[in-house]
Amino acid sequence: MGNRAVITTPEKVLALYLHWNGGRDTVEPLLKYCELQGYRPPSTDSYGWARMAQVVGNFFGGSLSLGIDRFDRLGDQGDNGVYVIDGWKIVDRIELDYDED
């Protein structure tokens, strides 16, 4: 089991899936790095999604732990829920409730 999270924008069209290190303590510094580099954010255009994926992939290394898809395919990943970003800031967090059986 990972420490999963999904990152999306307010429009909830595309999303970035993190299998590991999906806690806010990892996500916020990665977003801050993108901001400091002057990258266009995902809320602007597809280049923003590409830069964020590149930064996260470079941070994690390897060949797993990262995906991009439509939000409706990634929106229910558990663990840390969904971070909604506008620009490079987290503006909302959707925590998922699971019934314990």
PDB file of N, CA and C in Angstrom:
ATOM      1  N   MET A   1       0.847  -1.174   0.000  1.00  0.00           N
ATOM      2  CA  MET A   1       0.000   0.000   0.000  1.00  0.00           C
ATOM      3  C   MET A   1       0.886   1.228   0.000  1.00  0.00           C
ATOM      4  N   GLY A   2       0.455   2.238  -0.714  1.00  0.00           N
ATOM      5  CA  GLY A   2       1.221   3.466  -0.812  1.00  0.00           C
ATOM      6  C   GLY A   2       0.783   4.500   0.209  1.00  0.00           C
ATOM      7  N   ASN A   3       1.173   5.723  -0.050  1.00  0.00           N
ATOM      8  CA  ASN A   3       0.763   6.893   0.723  1.00  0.00           C
ATOM      9  C   ASN A   3       0.209   7.867  -0.314  1.00  0.00           C
ATOM     10  N   ARG A   4      -0.904   7.493  -0.901  1.00  0.00           N
ATOM     11  CA  ARG A   4      -1.403   8.068  -2.143  1.00  0.00           C
ATOM     12  C   ARG A   4      -2.072   9.430  -1.975  1.00  0.00           C
ATOM     13  N   ALA A   5      -2.097  10.150  -3.098  1.00  0.00           N
ATOM     14  CA  ALA A   5      -2.824  11.408  -3.190  1.00  0.00           C
ATOM     15  C   ALA A   5      -3.079  11.707  -4.658  1.00  0.00           C
ATOM     16  N   VAL A   6      -4.018  12.574  -4.894  1.00  0.00           N
ATOM     17  CA  VAL A   6      -4.319  13.072  -6.226  1.00  0.00           C
ATOM     18  C   VAL A   6      -4.247  14.591  -6.161  1.00  0.00           C
ATOM     19  N   ILE A   7      -3.658  15.196  -7.183  1.00  0.00           N
ATOM     20  CA  ILE A   7      -3.588  16.653  -7.295  1.00  0.00           C
ATOM     21  C   ILE A   7      -4.380  17.048  -8.527  1.00  0.00           C
ATOM     22  N   THR A   8      -5.271  18.014  -8.377  1.00  0.00           N
ATOM     23  CA  THR A   8      -6.063  18.492  -9.505  1.00  0.00           C
ATOM     24  C   THR A   8      -6.268  19.997  -9.372  1.00  0.00           C
ATOM     25  N   THR A   9      -6.918  20.580 -10.351  1.00  0.00           N
ATOM     26  CA  THR A   9      -7.256  21.999 -10.334  1.00  0.00           C
ATOM     27  C   THR A   9      -8.750  22.146 -10.034  1.00  0.00           C
ATOM     28  N   PRO A  10      -9.229  23.364  -9.798  1.00  0.00           N
ATOM     29  CA  PRO A  10     -10.649  23.540  -9.482  1.00  0.00           C
ATOM     30  C   PRO A  10     -11.603  22.985 -10.549  1.00  0.00           C
ATOM     31  N   GLU A  11     -11.163  22.932 -11.794  1.00  0.00           N
ATOM     32  CA  GLU A  11     -12.011  22.412 -12.869  1.00  0.00           C
ATOM     33  C   GLU A  11     -12.166  20.888 -12.812  1.00  0.00           C
ATOM     34  N   LYS A  12     -11.241  20.221 -12.137  1.00  0.00           N
ATOM     35  CA  LYS A  12     -11.260  18.761 -11.964  1.00  0.00           C
ATOM     36  C   LYS A  12     -11.382  18.012 -13.299  1.00  0.00           C
ATOM     37  N   VAL A  13     -10.536  18.416 -14.253  1.00  0.00           N
ATOM     38  CA  VAL A  13     -10.508  17.744 -15.550  1.00  0.00           C
ATOM     39  C   VAL A  13      -9.354  16.742 -15.574  1.00  0.00           C
ATOM     40  N   LEU A  14      -8.135  17.213 -15.396  1.00  0.00           N
ATOM     41  CA  LEU A  14      -6.962  16.347 -15.321  1.00  0.00           C
ATOM     42  C   LEU A  14      -6.516  16.231 -13.868  1.00  0.00           C
ATOM     43  N   ALA A  15      -5.689  15.219 -13.616  1.00  0.00           N
ATOM     44  CA  ALA A  15      -5.171  15.035 -12.262  1.00  0.00           C
ATOM     45  C   ALA A  15      -3.844  14.298 -12.315  1.00  0.00           C
ATOM     46  N   LEU A  16      -3.037  14.541 -11.315  1.00  0.00           N
ATOM     47  CA  LEU A  16      -1.760  13.862 -11.133  1.00  0.00           C
ATOM     48  C   LEU A  16      -1.905  12.917  -9.947  1.00  0.00           C
ATOM     49  N   TYR A  17      -1.545  11.664 -10.148  1.00  0.00           N
ATOM     50  CA  TYR A  17      -1.636  10.646  -9.102  1.00  0.00           C
ATOM     51  C   TYR A  17      -0.260  10.400  -8.504  1.00  0.00           C
ATOM     52  N   LEU A  18      -0.169  10.439  -7.191  1.00  0.00           N
ATOM     53  CA  LEU A  18       1.056  10.100  -6.468  1.00  0.00           C
ATOM     54  C   LEU A  18       0.794   8.820  -5.680  1.00  0.00           C
ATOM     55  N   HIS A  19       1.593   7.818  -5.901  1.00  0.00           N
ATOM     56  CA  HIS A  19       1.419   6.580  -5.136  1.00  0.00           C
ATOM     57  C   HIS A  19       2.139   6.657  -3.791  1.00  0.00           C
ATOM     58  N   TRP A  20       3.283   7.319  -3.779  1.00  0.00           N
ATOM     59  CA  TRP A  20       4.084   7.477  -2.564  1.00  0.00           C
ATOM     60  C   TRP A  20       4.204   8.950  -2.222  1.00  0.00           C
ATOM     61  N   ASN A  21       4.463   9.243  -0.980  1.00  0.00           N
ATOM     62  CA  ASN A  21       4.732  10.612  -0.535  1.00  0.00           C
ATOM     63  C   ASN A  21       3.616  11.585  -0.906  1.00  0.00           C
ATOM     64  N   GLY A  22       2.376  11.183  -0.688  1.00  0.00           N
ATOM     65  CA  GLY A  22       1.243  12.033  -1.004  1.00  0.00           C
ATOM     66  C   GLY A  22       0.826  12.950   0.129  1.00  0.00           C
ATOM     67  N   GLY A  23       1.603  12.981   1.211  1.00  0.00           N
ATOM     68  CA  GLY A  23       1.267  13.868   2.319  1.00  0.00           C
ATOM     69  C   GLY A  23       1.530  15.314   1.970  1.00  0.00           C
ATOM     70  N   ARG A  24       0.838  16.190   2.654  1.00  0.00           N
ATOM     71  CA  ARG A  24       0.989  17.627   2.411  1.00  0.00           C
ATOM     72  C   ARG A  24       2.430  18.078   2.630  1.00  0.00           C
ATOM     73  N   ASP A  25       3.144  17.418   3.550  1.00  0.00           N
ATOM     74  CA  ASP A  25       4.532  17.784   3.842  1.00  0.00           C
ATOM     75  C   ASP A  25       5.469  17.520   2.662  1.00  0.00           C
ATOM     76  N   THR A  26       5.059  16.718   1.698  1.00  0.00           N
ATOM     77  CA  THR A  26       5.834  16.502   0.476  1.00  0.00           C
ATOM     78  C   THR A  26       5.250  17.301  -0.686  1.00  0.00           C
ATOM     79  N   VAL A  27       3.935  17.332  -0.791  1.00  0.00           N
ATOM     80  CA  VAL A  27       3.280  17.982  -1.927  1.00  0.00           C
ATOM     81  C   VAL A  27       3.550  19.490  -1.943  1.00  0.00           C
ATOM     82  N   GLU A  28       3.401  20.162  -0.806  1.00  0.00           N
ATOM     83  CA  GLU A  28       3.607  21.618  -0.781  1.00  0.00           C
ATOM     84  C   GLU A  28       5.010  22.040  -1.226  1.00  0.00           C
ATOM     85  N   PRO A  29       6.086  21.402  -0.729  1.00  0.00           N
ATOM     86  CA  PRO A  29       7.414  21.802  -1.209  1.00  0.00           C
ATOM     87  C   PRO A  29       7.622  21.546  -2.703  1.00  0.00           C
ATOM     88  N   LEU A  30       7.033  20.487  -3.250  1.00  0.00           N
ATOM     89  CA  LEU A  30       7.149  20.245  -4.688  1.00  0.00           C
ATOM     90  C   LEU A  30       6.440  21.348  -5.479  1.00  0.00           C
ATOM     91  N   LEU A  31       5.279  21.762  -5.006  1.00  0.00           N
ATOM     92  CA  LEU A  31       4.568  22.866  -5.654  1.00  0.00           C
ATOM     93  C   LEU A  31       5.350  24.166  -5.528  1.00  0.00           C
ATOM     94  N   LYS A  32       5.923  24.405  -4.366  1.00  0.00           N
ATOM     95  CA  LYS A  32       6.723  25.616  -4.145  1.00  0.00           C
ATOM     96  C   LYS A  32       7.924  25.652  -5.083  1.00  0.00           C
ATOM     97  N   TYR A  33       8.570  24.508  -5.268  1.00  0.00           N
ATOM     98  CA  TYR A  33       9.704  24.425  -6.192  1.00  0.00           C
ATOM     99  C   TYR A  33       9.265  24.842  -7.596  1.00  0.00           C
ATOM    100  N   CYS A  34       8.109  24.319  -8.044  1.00  0.00           N
ATOM    101  CA  CYS A  34       7.599  24.678  -9.370  1.00  0.00           C
ATOM    102  C   CYS A  34       7.347  26.178  -9.468  1.00  0.00           C
ATOM    103  N   GLU A  35       6.787  26.742  -8.412  1.00  0.00           N
ATOM    104  CA  GLU A  35       6.537  28.183  -8.385  1.00  0.00           C
ATOM    105  C   GLU A  35       7.842  28.971  -8.465  1.00  0.00           C
ATOM    106  N   LEU A  36       8.837  28.578  -7.663  1.00  0.00           N
ATOM    107  CA  LEU A  36      10.123  29.279  -7.653  1.00  0.00           C
ATOM    108  C   LEU A  36      10.841  29.182  -8.993  1.00  0.00           C
ATOM    109  N   GLN A  37      10.614  28.090  -9.708  1.00  0.00           N
ATOM    110  CA  GLN A  37      11.223  27.928 -11.031  1.00  0.00           C
ATOM    111  C   GLN A  37      10.516  28.759 -12.095  1.00  0.00           C
ATOM    112  N   GLY A  38       9.359  29.311 -11.735  1.00  0.00           N
ATOM    113  CA  GLY A  38       8.612  30.128 -12.682  1.00  0.00           C
ATOM    114  C   GLY A  38       7.814  29.317 -13.689  1.00  0.00           C
ATOM    115  N   TYR A  39       7.557  28.057 -13.382  1.00  0.00           N
ATOM    116  CA  TYR A  39       6.786  27.220 -14.290  1.00  0.00           C
ATOM    117  C   TYR A  39       5.334  27.691 -14.325  1.00  0.00           C
ATOM    118  N   ARG A  40       4.721  27.573 -15.500  1.00  0.00           N
ATOM    119  CA  ARG A  40       3.296  27.866 -15.602  1.00  0.00           C
ATOM    120  C   ARG A  40       2.540  26.776 -14.848  1.00  0.00           C
ATOM    121  N   PRO A  41       1.530  27.141 -14.082  1.00  0.00           N
ATOM    122  CA  PRO A  41       0.802  26.144 -13.300  1.00  0.00           C
ATOM    123  C   PRO A  41      -0.182  25.340 -14.149  1.00  0.00           C
ATOM    124  N   PRO A  42      -0.583  24.167 -13.668  1.00  0.00           N
ATOM    125  CA  PRO A  42      -1.560  23.344 -14.387  1.00  0.00           C
ATOM    126  C   PRO A  42      -2.887  24.061 -14.632  1.00  0.00           C
ATOM    127  N   SER A  43      -3.228  25.003 -13.786  1.00  0.00           N
ATOM    128  CA  SER A  43      -4.471  25.742 -13.993  1.00  0.00           C
ATOM    129  C   SER A  43      -4.382  26.676 -15.204  1.00  0.00           C
ATOM    130  N   THR A  44      -3.172  26.840 -15.755  1.00  0.00           N
ATOM    131  CA  THR A  44      -2.967  27.696 -16.919  1.00  0.00           C
ATOM    132  C   THR A  44      -3.068  26.928 -18.225  1.00  0.00           C
ATOM    133  N   ASP A  45      -2.315  25.820 -18.323  1.00  0.00           N
ATOM    134  CA  ASP A  45      -2.311  25.038 -19.564  1.00  0.00           C
ATOM    135  C   ASP A  45      -1.600  23.699 -19.363  1.00  0.00           C
ATOM    136  N   SER A  46      -1.515  22.931 -20.436  1.00  0.00           N
ATOM    137  CA  SER A  46      -0.940  21.586 -20.347  1.00  0.00           C
ATOM    138  C   SER A  46       0.545  21.587 -19.998  1.00  0.00           C
ATOM    139  N   TYR A  47       1.251  22.661 -20.305  1.00  0.00           N
ATOM    140  CA  TYR A  47       2.663  22.721 -19.937  1.00  0.00           C
ATOM    141  C   TYR A  47       2.838  22.699 -18.414  1.00  0.00           C
ATOM    142  N   GLY A  48       1.885  23.272 -17.716  1.00  0.00           N
ATOM    143  CA  GLY A  48       1.927  23.226 -16.256  1.00  0.00           C
ATOM    144  C   GLY A  48       1.845  21.802 -15.736  1.00  0.00           C
ATOM    145  N   TRP A  49       0.972  20.999 -16.336  1.00  0.00           N
ATOM    146  CA  TRP A  49       0.865  19.581 -15.945  1.00  0.00           C
ATOM    147  C   TRP A  49       2.179  18.862 -16.244  1.00  0.00           C
ATOM    148  N   ALA A  50       2.760  19.161 -17.398  1.00  0.00           N
ATOM    149  CA  ALA A  50       4.018  18.512 -17.783  1.00  0.00           C
ATOM    150  C   ALA A  50       5.146  18.870 -16.823  1.00  0.00           C
ATOM    151  N   ARG A  51       5.267  20.139 -16.459  1.00  0.00           N
ATOM    152  CA  ARG A  51       6.338  20.540 -15.546  1.00  0.00           C
ATOM    153  C   ARG A  51       6.144  19.924 -14.170  1.00  0.00           C
ATOM    154  N   MET A  52       4.908  19.914 -13.672  1.00  0.00           N
ATOM    155  CA  MET A  52       4.672  19.315 -12.362  1.00  0.00           C
ATOM    156  C   MET A  52       5.011  17.829 -12.391  1.00  0.00           C
ATOM    157  N   ALA A  53       4.592  17.127 -13.434  1.00  0.00           N
ATOM    158  CA  ALA A  53       4.902  15.701 -13.544  1.00  0.00           C
ATOM    159  C   ALA A  53       6.407  15.480 -13.632  1.00  0.00           C
ATOM    160  N   GLN A  54       7.107  16.335 -14.353  1.00  0.00           N
ATOM    161  CA  GLN A  54       8.555  16.221 -14.479  1.00  0.00           C
ATOM    162  C   GLN A  54       9.237  16.401 -13.123  1.00  0.00           C
ATOM    163  N   VAL A  55       8.833  17.421 -12.387  1.00  0.00           N
ATOM    164  CA  VAL A  55       9.425  17.694 -11.076  1.00  0.00           C
ATOM    165  C   VAL A  55       9.166  16.532 -10.120  1.00  0.00           C
ATOM    166  N   VAL A  56       7.938  16.057 -10.068  1.00  0.00           N
ATOM    167  CA  VAL A  56       7.593  14.954  -9.172  1.00  0.00           C
ATOM    168  C   VAL A  56       8.331  13.679  -9.584  1.00  0.00           C
ATOM    169  N   GLY A  57       8.360  13.389 -10.882  1.00  0.00           N
ATOM    170  CA  GLY A  57       9.071  12.206 -11.369  1.00  0.00           C
ATOM    171  C   GLY A  57      10.560  12.264 -11.066  1.00  0.00           C
ATOM    172  N   ASN A  58      11.165  13.430 -11.250  1.00  0.00           N
ATOM    173  CA  ASN A  58      12.588  13.579 -10.931  1.00  0.00           C
ATOM    174  C   ASN A  58      12.833  13.399  -9.442  1.00  0.00           C
ATOM    175  N   PHE A  59      11.920  13.895  -8.621  1.00  0.00           N
ATOM    176  CA  PHE A  59      12.057  13.768  -7.164  1.00  0.00           C
ATOM    177  C   PHE A  59      11.991  12.303  -6.743  1.00  0.00           C
ATOM    178  N   PHE A  60      11.006  11.573  -7.271  1.00  0.00           N
ATOM    179  CA  PHE A  60      10.837  10.170  -6.882  1.00  0.00           C
ATOM    180  C   PHE A  60      11.861   9.260  -7.539  1.00  0.00           C
ATOM    181  N   GLY A  61      12.246   9.564  -8.770  1.00  0.00           N
ATOM    182  CA  GLY A  61      13.134   8.668  -9.507  1.00  0.00           C
ATOM    183  C   GLY A  61      12.403   7.376  -9.849  1.00  0.00           C
ATOM    184  N   GLY A  62      13.120   6.450 -10.431  1.00  0.00           N
ATOM    185  CA  GLY A  62      12.511   5.166 -10.751  1.00  0.00           C
ATOM    186  C   GLY A  62      11.492   5.264 -11.863  1.00  0.00           C
ATOM    187  N   SER A  63      10.637   4.260 -11.942  1.00  0.00           N
ATOM    188  CA  SER A  63       9.686   4.215 -13.047  1.00  0.00           C
ATOM    189  C   SER A  63       8.234   4.061 -12.587  1.00  0.00           C
ATOM    190  N   LEU A  64       7.996   4.160 -11.305  1.00  0.00           N
ATOM    191  CA  LEU A  64       6.641   4.014 -10.780  1.00  0.00           C
ATOM    192  C   LEU A  64       6.265   5.228  -9.944  1.00  0.00           C
ATOM    193  N   SER A  65       5.128   5.181  -9.338  1.00  0.00           N
ATOM    194  CA  SER A  65       4.697   6.147  -8.331  1.00  0.00           C
ATOM    195  C   SER A  65       4.025   7.399  -8.860  1.00  0.00           C
ATOM    196  N   LEU A  66       3.804   7.517 -10.163  1.00  0.00           N
ATOM    197  CA  LEU A  66       3.301   8.759 -10.723  1.00  0.00           C
ATOM    198  C   LEU A  66       2.428   8.463 -11.932  1.00  0.00           C
ATOM    199  N   GLY A  67       1.317   9.170 -12.039  1.00  0.00           N
ATOM    200  CA  GLY A  67       0.469   9.017 -13.211  1.00  0.00           C
ATOM    201  C   GLY A  67      -0.317  10.287 -13.475  1.00  0.00           C
ATOM    202  N   ILE A  68      -0.744  10.454 -14.721  1.00  0.00           N
ATOM    203  CA  ILE A  68      -1.631  11.551 -15.099  1.00  0.00           C
ATOM    204  C   ILE A  68      -2.801  10.941 -15.855  1.00  0.00           C
ATOM    205  N   ASP A  69      -3.999  11.377 -15.505  1.00  0.00           N
ATOM    206  CA  ASP A  69      -5.195  10.887 -16.180  1.00  0.00           C
ATOM    207  C   ASP A  69      -6.310  11.890 -15.953  1.00  0.00           C
ATOM    208  N   ARG A  70      -7.464  11.605 -16.509  1.00  0.00           N
ATOM    209  CA  ARG A  70      -8.632  12.431 -16.218  1.00  0.00           C
ATOM    210  C   ARG A  70      -8.978  12.277 -14.741  1.00  0.00           C
ATOM    211  N   PHE A  71      -9.444  13.353 -14.138  1.00  0.00           N
ATOM    212  CA  PHE A  71      -9.765  13.325 -12.713  1.00  0.00           C
ATOM    213  C   PHE A  71     -10.795  12.257 -12.390  1.00  0.00           C
ATOM    214  N   ASP A  72     -11.788  12.084 -13.247  1.00  0.00           N
ATOM    215  CA  ASP A  72     -12.829  11.102 -12.944  1.00  0.00           C
ATOM    216  C   ASP A  72     -12.302   9.675 -12.891  1.00  0.00           C
ATOM    217  N   ARG A  73     -11.113   9.447 -13.382  1.00  0.00           N
ATOM    218  CA  ARG A  73     -10.482   8.126 -13.274  1.00  0.00           C
ATOM    219  C   ARG A  73      -9.542   8.021 -12.077  1.00  0.00           C
ATOM    220  N   LEU A  74      -9.149   9.164 -11.509  1.00  0.00           N
ATOM    221  CA  LEU A  74      -8.178   9.168 -10.412  1.00  0.00           C
ATOM    222  C   LEU A  74      -8.708   9.739  -9.111  1.00  0.00           C
ATOM    223  N   GLY A  75      -9.910  10.225  -9.085  1.00  0.00           N
ATOM    224  CA  GLY A  75     -10.398  10.993  -7.956  1.00  0.00           C
ATOM    225  C   GLY A  75     -10.663  10.247  -6.670  1.00  0.00           C
ATOM    226  N   ASP A  76     -10.494   8.941  -6.625  1.00  0.00           N
ATOM    227  CA  ASP A  76     -10.825   8.171  -5.429  1.00  0.00           C
ATOM    228  C   ASP A  76      -9.653   7.260  -5.056  1.00  0.00           C
ATOM    229  N   GLN A  77      -8.536   7.844  -4.666  1.00  0.00           N
ATOM    230  CA  GLN A  77      -7.336   7.051  -4.400  1.00  0.00           C
ATOM    231  C   GLN A  77      -7.051   6.799  -2.926  1.00  0.00           C
ATOM    232  N   GLY A  78      -7.774   7.427  -2.039  1.00  0.00           N
ATOM    233  CA  GLY A  78      -7.591   7.143  -0.623  1.00  0.00           C
ATOM    234  C   GLY A  78      -6.392   7.830  -0.006  1.00  0.00           C
ATOM    235  N   ASP A  79      -5.994   7.348   1.134  1.00  0.00           N
ATOM    236  CA  ASP A  79      -4.879   7.861   1.918  1.00  0.00           C
ATOM    237  C   ASP A  79      -4.990   9.364   2.190  1.00  0.00           C
ATOM    238  N   ASN A  80      -4.374  10.203   1.378  1.00  0.00           N
ATOM    239  CA  ASN A  80      -4.330  11.652   1.625  1.00  0.00           C
ATOM    240  C   ASN A  80      -5.418  12.434   0.904  1.00  0.00           C
ATOM    241  N   GLY A  81      -6.258  11.775   0.154  1.00  0.00           N
ATOM    242  CA  GLY A  81      -7.340  12.451  -0.537  1.00  0.00           C
ATOM    243  C   GLY A  81      -6.876  13.200  -1.772  1.00  0.00           C
ATOM    244  N   VAL A  82      -7.605  14.257  -2.084  1.00  0.00           N
ATOM    245  CA  VAL A  82      -7.374  15.041  -3.293  1.00  0.00           C
ATOM    246  C   VAL A  82      -6.982  16.459  -2.900  1.00  0.00           C
ATOM    247  N   TYR A  83      -5.855  16.919  -3.423  1.00  0.00           N
ATOM    248  CA  TYR A  83      -5.443  18.311  -3.244  1.00  0.00           C
ATOM    249  C   TYR A  83      -5.900  19.085  -4.470  1.00  0.00           C
ATOM    250  N   VAL A  84      -6.613  20.172  -4.266  1.00  0.00           N
ATOM    251  CA  VAL A  84      -7.021  21.052  -5.350  1.00  0.00           C
ATOM    252  C   VAL A  84      -6.080  22.249  -5.321  1.00  0.00           C
ATOM    253  N   ILE A  85      -5.405  22.490  -6.450  1.00  0.00           N
ATOM    254  CA  ILE A  85      -4.453  23.598  -6.506  1.00  0.00           C
ATOM    255  C   ILE A  85      -4.934  24.644  -7.500  1.00  0.00           C
ATOM    256  N   ASP A  86      -4.628  25.881  -7.181  1.00  0.00           N
ATOM    257  CA  ASP A  86      -4.850  26.998  -8.087  1.00  0.00           C
ATOM    258  C   ASP A  86      -3.542  27.760  -8.099  1.00  0.00           C
ATOM    259  N   GLY A  87      -2.981  27.946  -9.272  1.00  0.00           N
ATOM    260  CA  GLY A  87      -1.593  28.382  -9.315  1.00  0.00           C
ATOM    261  C   GLY A  87      -0.762  27.247  -8.742  1.00  0.00           C
ATOM    262  N   TRP A  88       0.137  27.568  -7.854  1.00  0.00           N
ATOM    263  CA  TRP A  88       0.947  26.525  -7.200  1.00  0.00           C
ATOM    264  C   TRP A  88       0.593  26.387  -5.720  1.00  0.00           C
ATOM    265  N   LYS A  89      -0.604  26.816  -5.349  1.00  0.00           N
ATOM    266  CA  LYS A  89      -1.044  26.747  -3.953  1.00  0.00           C
ATOM    267  C   LYS A  89      -2.186  25.751  -3.797  1.00  0.00           C
ATOM    268  N   ILE A  90      -2.185  25.031  -2.694  1.00  0.00           N
ATOM    269  CA  ILE A  90      -3.306  24.165  -2.354  1.00  0.00           C
ATOM    270  C   ILE A  90      -4.432  25.062  -1.845  1.00  0.00           C
ATOM    271  N   VAL A  91      -5.582  25.009  -2.518  1.00  0.00           N
ATOM    272  CA  VAL A  91      -6.712  25.856  -2.135  1.00  0.00           C
ATOM    273  C   VAL A  91      -7.857  25.044  -1.532  1.00  0.00           C
ATOM    274  N   ASP A  92      -7.794  23.734  -1.649  1.00  0.00           N
ATOM    275  CA  ASP A  92      -8.835  22.879  -1.086  1.00  0.00           C
ATOM    276  C   ASP A  92      -8.276  21.467  -0.969  1.00  0.00           C
ATOM    277  N   ARG A  93      -8.886  20.723  -0.093  1.00  0.00           N
ATOM    278  CA  ARG A  93      -8.508  19.319   0.051  1.00  0.00           C
ATOM    279  C   ARG A  93      -9.783  18.518   0.249  1.00  0.00           C
ATOM    280  N   ILE A  94      -9.938  17.517  -0.574  1.00  0.00           N
ATOM    281  CA  ILE A  94     -11.095  16.644  -0.485  1.00  0.00           C
ATOM    282  C   ILE A  94     -10.636  15.373   0.208  1.00  0.00           C
ATOM    283  N   GLU A  95     -11.067  15.214   1.438  1.00  0.00           N
ATOM    284  CA  GLU A  95     -10.709  14.001   2.167  1.00  0.00           C
ATOM    285  C   GLU A  95     -11.786  12.974   1.915  1.00  0.00           C
ATOM    286  N   LEU A  96     -11.353  11.782   1.649  1.00  0.00           N
ATOM    287  CA  LEU A  96     -12.286  10.728   1.298  1.00  0.00           C
ATOM    288  C   LEU A  96     -12.686   9.949   2.528  1.00  0.00           C
ATOM    289  N   ASP A  97     -13.969   9.742   2.672  1.00  0.00           N
ATOM    290  CA  ASP A  97     -14.486   8.974   3.801  1.00  0.00           C
ATOM    291  C   ASP A  97     -14.712   7.528   3.355  1.00  0.00           C
ATOM    292  N   TYR A  98     -14.177   6.621   4.101  1.00  0.00           N
ATOM    293  CA  TYR A  98     -14.357   5.209   3.829  1.00  0.00           C
ATOM    294  C   TYR A  98     -15.058   4.563   5.001  1.00  0.00           C
ATOM    295  N   ASP A  99     -16.052   3.788   4.708  1.00  0.00           N
ATOM    296  CA  ASP A  99     -16.729   3.027   5.751  1.00  0.00           C
ATOM    297  C   ASP A  99     -15.834   1.871   6.150  1.00  0.00           C
ATOM    298  N   GLU A 100     -15.635   1.719   7.429  1.00  0.00           N
ATOM    299  CA  GLU A 100     -14.840   0.592   7.908  1.00  0.00           C
ATOM    300  C   GLU A 100     -15.764  -0.580   8.116  1.00  0.00           C
ATOM    301  N   ASP A 101     -15.547  -1.632   7.407  1.00  0.00           N
ATOM    302  CA  ASP A 101     -16.392  -2.818   7.537  1.00  0.00           C
ATOM    303  C   ASP A 101     -15.886  -3.751   8.598  1.00  0.00           C
TER     304      ASP A 101
END
